[in-house]
C-alpha atoms as a PDB file:
ATOM      1  CA  MET A   1     117.012  80.374  97.230  1.00  0.00           C
ATOM      2  CA  ILE A   2     117.056  84.022  98.343  1.00  0.00           C
ATOM      3  CA  ALA A   3     113.357  84.372  97.521  1.00  0.00           C
ATOM      4  CA  THR A   4     112.577  81.284  99.599  1.00  0.00           C
ATOM      5  CA  LEU A   5     114.540  82.588 102.571  1.00  0.00           C
ATOM      6  CA  THR A   6     112.896  85.995 102.274  1.00  0.00           C
ATOM      7  CA  LEU A   7     109.427  84.427 102.177  1.00  0.00           C
ATOM      8  CA  TRP A   8     110.307  82.294 105.183  1.00  0.00           C
ATOM      9  CA  MET A   9     111.392  85.389 107.111  1.00  0.00           C
ATOM     10  CA  VAL A  10     108.268  87.335 106.104  1.00  0.00           C
ATOM     11  CA  ILE A  11     105.959  84.501 107.151  1.00  0.00           C
ATOM     12  CA  GLY A  12     107.872  84.368 110.411  1.00  0.00           C
ATOM     13  CA  PHE A  13     107.764  80.851 111.750  1.00  0.00           C
ATOM     14  CA  HIS A  14     107.484  80.930 115.519  1.00  0.00           C
ATOM     15  CA  HIS A  15     108.636  78.123 117.749  1.00  0.00           C
ATOM     16  CA  HIS A  16     107.236  76.738 120.994  1.00  0.00           C
ATOM     17  CA  ASN A  17     109.790  76.536 123.749  1.00  0.00           C
ATOM     18  CA  ASP A  18     108.850  72.895 124.262  1.00  0.00           C
ATOM     19  CA  ALA A  19     108.955  71.981 120.550  1.00  0.00           C
ATOM     20  CA  PRO A  20     111.774  73.850 118.850  1.00  0.00           C
ATOM     21  CA  GLY A  21     111.779  73.719 115.079  1.00  0.00           C
ATOM     22  CA  LYS A  22     108.028  73.089 114.661  1.00  0.00           C
ATOM     23  CA  PRO A  23     106.125  75.951 113.022  1.00  0.00           C
ATOM     24  CA  ILE A  24     102.939  77.283 114.622  1.00  0.00           C
ATOM     25  CA  ALA A  25      99.902  77.591 112.363  1.00  0.00           C
ATOM     26  CA  GLN A  26      98.944  81.201 111.721  1.00  0.00           C
ATOM     27  CA  ILE A  27      95.267  82.112 111.408  1.00  0.00           C
ATOM     28  CA  CYS A  28      94.258  84.782 108.915  1.00  0.00           C
ATOM     29  CA  SER A  29      91.622  87.147 110.316  1.00  0.00           C
ATOM     30  CA  VAL A  30      90.458  88.357 106.885  1.00  0.00           C
ATOM     31  CA  ARG A  31      86.883  87.207 106.294  1.00  0.00           C
ATOM     32  CA  VAL A  32      85.909  89.173 103.168  1.00  0.00           C
ATOM     33  CA  VAL A  33      88.428  89.342 100.348  1.00  0.00           C
ATOM     34  CA  GLY A  34      86.242  90.883  97.682  1.00  0.00           C
ATOM     35  CA  PHE A  35      82.871  91.524  96.145  1.00  0.00           C
ATOM     36  CA  LYS A  36      80.979  90.100  93.185  1.00  0.00           C
ATOM     37  CA  PHE A  37      78.389  92.666  92.103  1.00  0.00           C
ATOM     38  CA  ILE A  38      75.716  90.873  90.084  1.00  0.00           C
ATOM     39  CA  GLY A  39      73.406  92.772  87.753  1.00  0.00           C
ATOM     40  CA  VAL A  40      72.531  93.379  84.125  1.00  0.00           C
ATOM     41  CA  GLU A  41      74.745  94.774  81.415  1.00  0.00           C
ATOM     42  CA  GLY A  42      75.079  98.547  81.669  1.00  0.00           C
ATOM     43  CA  GLN A  43      74.227  98.911  85.363  1.00  0.00           C
ATOM     44  CA  LYS A  44      76.510 101.375  87.149  1.00  0.00           C
ATOM     45  CA  PHE A  45      77.480 101.464  90.810  1.00  0.00           C
ATOM     46  CA  GLU A  46      80.189 103.115  92.877  1.00  0.00           C
ATOM     47  CA  LEU A  47      82.604 101.478  95.309  1.00  0.00           C
ATOM     48  CA  GLY A  48      84.987 103.805  97.084  1.00  0.00           C
ATOM     49  CA  SER A  49      85.194 106.729  94.713  1.00  0.00           C
ATOM     50  CA  VAL A  50      85.275 104.673  91.509  1.00  0.00           C
ATOM     51  CA  THR A  51      82.278 104.025  89.240  1.00  0.00           C
ATOM     52  CA  TYR A  52      81.989 100.560  87.680  1.00  0.00           C
ATOM     53  CA  THR A  53      79.715  99.270  84.913  1.00  0.00           C
ATOM     54  CA  VAL A  54      78.413  95.702  84.690  1.00  0.00           C
ATOM     55  CA  ASP A  55      79.475  94.161  81.379  1.00  0.00           C
ATOM     56  CA  LYS A  56      77.846  91.411  79.304  1.00  0.00           C
ATOM     57  CA  ARG A  57      78.989  88.714  81.783  1.00  0.00           C
ATOM     58  CA  GLY A  58      76.477  90.138  84.252  1.00  0.00           C
ATOM     59  CA  TYR A  59      78.872  90.814  87.111  1.00  0.00           C
ATOM     60  CA  VAL A  60      81.905  92.772  88.309  1.00  0.00           C
ATOM     61  CA  GLU A  61      84.416  91.250  90.759  1.00  0.00           C
ATOM     62  CA  LEU A  62      86.474  93.602  92.928  1.00  0.00           C
ATOM     63  CA  ILE A  63      89.044  93.154  95.686  1.00  0.00           C
ATOM     64  CA  SER A  64      87.945  94.470  99.088  1.00  0.00           C
ATOM     65  CA  ASP A  65      89.638  97.476 100.597  1.00  0.00           C
ATOM     66  CA  GLY A  66      87.530  97.280 103.764  1.00  0.00           C
ATOM     67  CA  GLU A  67      84.433  98.927 102.286  1.00  0.00           C
ATOM     68  CA  THR A  68      81.137  98.451 104.131  1.00  0.00           C
ATOM     69  CA  THR A  69      78.868 100.390 101.737  1.00  0.00           C
ATOM     70  CA  TYR A  70      78.456 101.072  98.027  1.00  0.00           C
ATOM     71  CA  ARG A  71      76.448 103.605  96.035  1.00  0.00           C
ATOM     72  CA  TYR A  72      73.763 102.810  93.499  1.00  0.00           C
ATOM     73  CA  GLY A  73      72.146 105.833  91.919  1.00  0.00           C
ATOM     74  CA  ASP A  74      71.644 108.342  94.711  1.00  0.00           C
ATOM     75  CA  LYS A  75      71.512 105.716  97.498  1.00  0.00           C
ATOM     76  CA  THR A  76      74.230 104.439  99.796  1.00  0.00           C
ATOM     77  CA  LEU A  77      73.643 100.747 100.453  1.00  0.00           C
ATOM     78  CA  PRO A  78      75.253  98.340 102.951  1.00  0.00           C
ATOM     79  CA  LEU A  79      77.575  95.550 101.876  1.00  0.00           C
ATOM     80  CA  THR A  80      77.579  93.815 105.247  1.00  0.00           C
ATOM     81  CA  VAL A  81      74.144  92.221 104.774  1.00  0.00           C
ATOM     82  CA  TRP A  82      75.358  89.725 102.171  1.00  0.00           C
ATOM     83  CA  PRO A  83      76.961  86.424 103.212  1.00  0.00           C
ATOM     84  CA  ALA A  84      80.450  85.514 102.025  1.00  0.00           C
ATOM     85  CA  ASN A  85      80.775  82.516  99.711  1.00  0.00           C
ATOM     86  CA  GLU A  86      83.379  79.767 100.181  1.00  0.00           C
ATOM     87  CA  PHE A  87      86.041  82.001  98.591  1.00  0.00           C
ATOM     88  CA  GLY A  88      85.457  84.962 100.933  1.00  0.00           C
ATOM     89  CA  MET A  89      83.605  86.969  98.270  1.00  0.00           C
ATOM     90  CA  LEU A  90      80.366  88.781  99.066  1.00  0.00           C
ATOM     91  CA  GLU A  91      77.884  88.217  96.251  1.00  0.00           C
ATOM     92  CA  VAL A  92      75.978  91.497  96.010  1.00  0.00           C
ATOM     93  CA  PRO A  93      72.861  91.557  93.813  1.00  0.00           C
ATOM     94  CA  LEU A  94      72.445  95.048  92.401  1.00  0.00           C
ATOM     95  CA  PRO A  95      68.927  96.574  92.630  1.00  0.00           C
ATOM     96  CA  LYS A  96      66.663  95.961  89.644  1.00  0.00           C
ATOM     97  CA  PRO A  97      67.101  98.790  87.126  1.00  0.00           C
END
């Protein structure tokens, strides 16, 4: 019960003056929630200041922290050129090794 009340307060239902008690829909402005870097096993890239290695699945999924570029080898490459999928993930094909 306390958790429910706390969540309700955090979400913060707002009321119209003309329709008290009816919640107003809130729109989330987040468009990109993460990245799916697609490559071959063993490929390395850097996002933020962390280096990641593609495993045998052929991809690495990461949560976005607002990054707009990543590093591959000695190059800084843009992330903003890739479209977001239906889940808000940018699918980023890594350069051919």
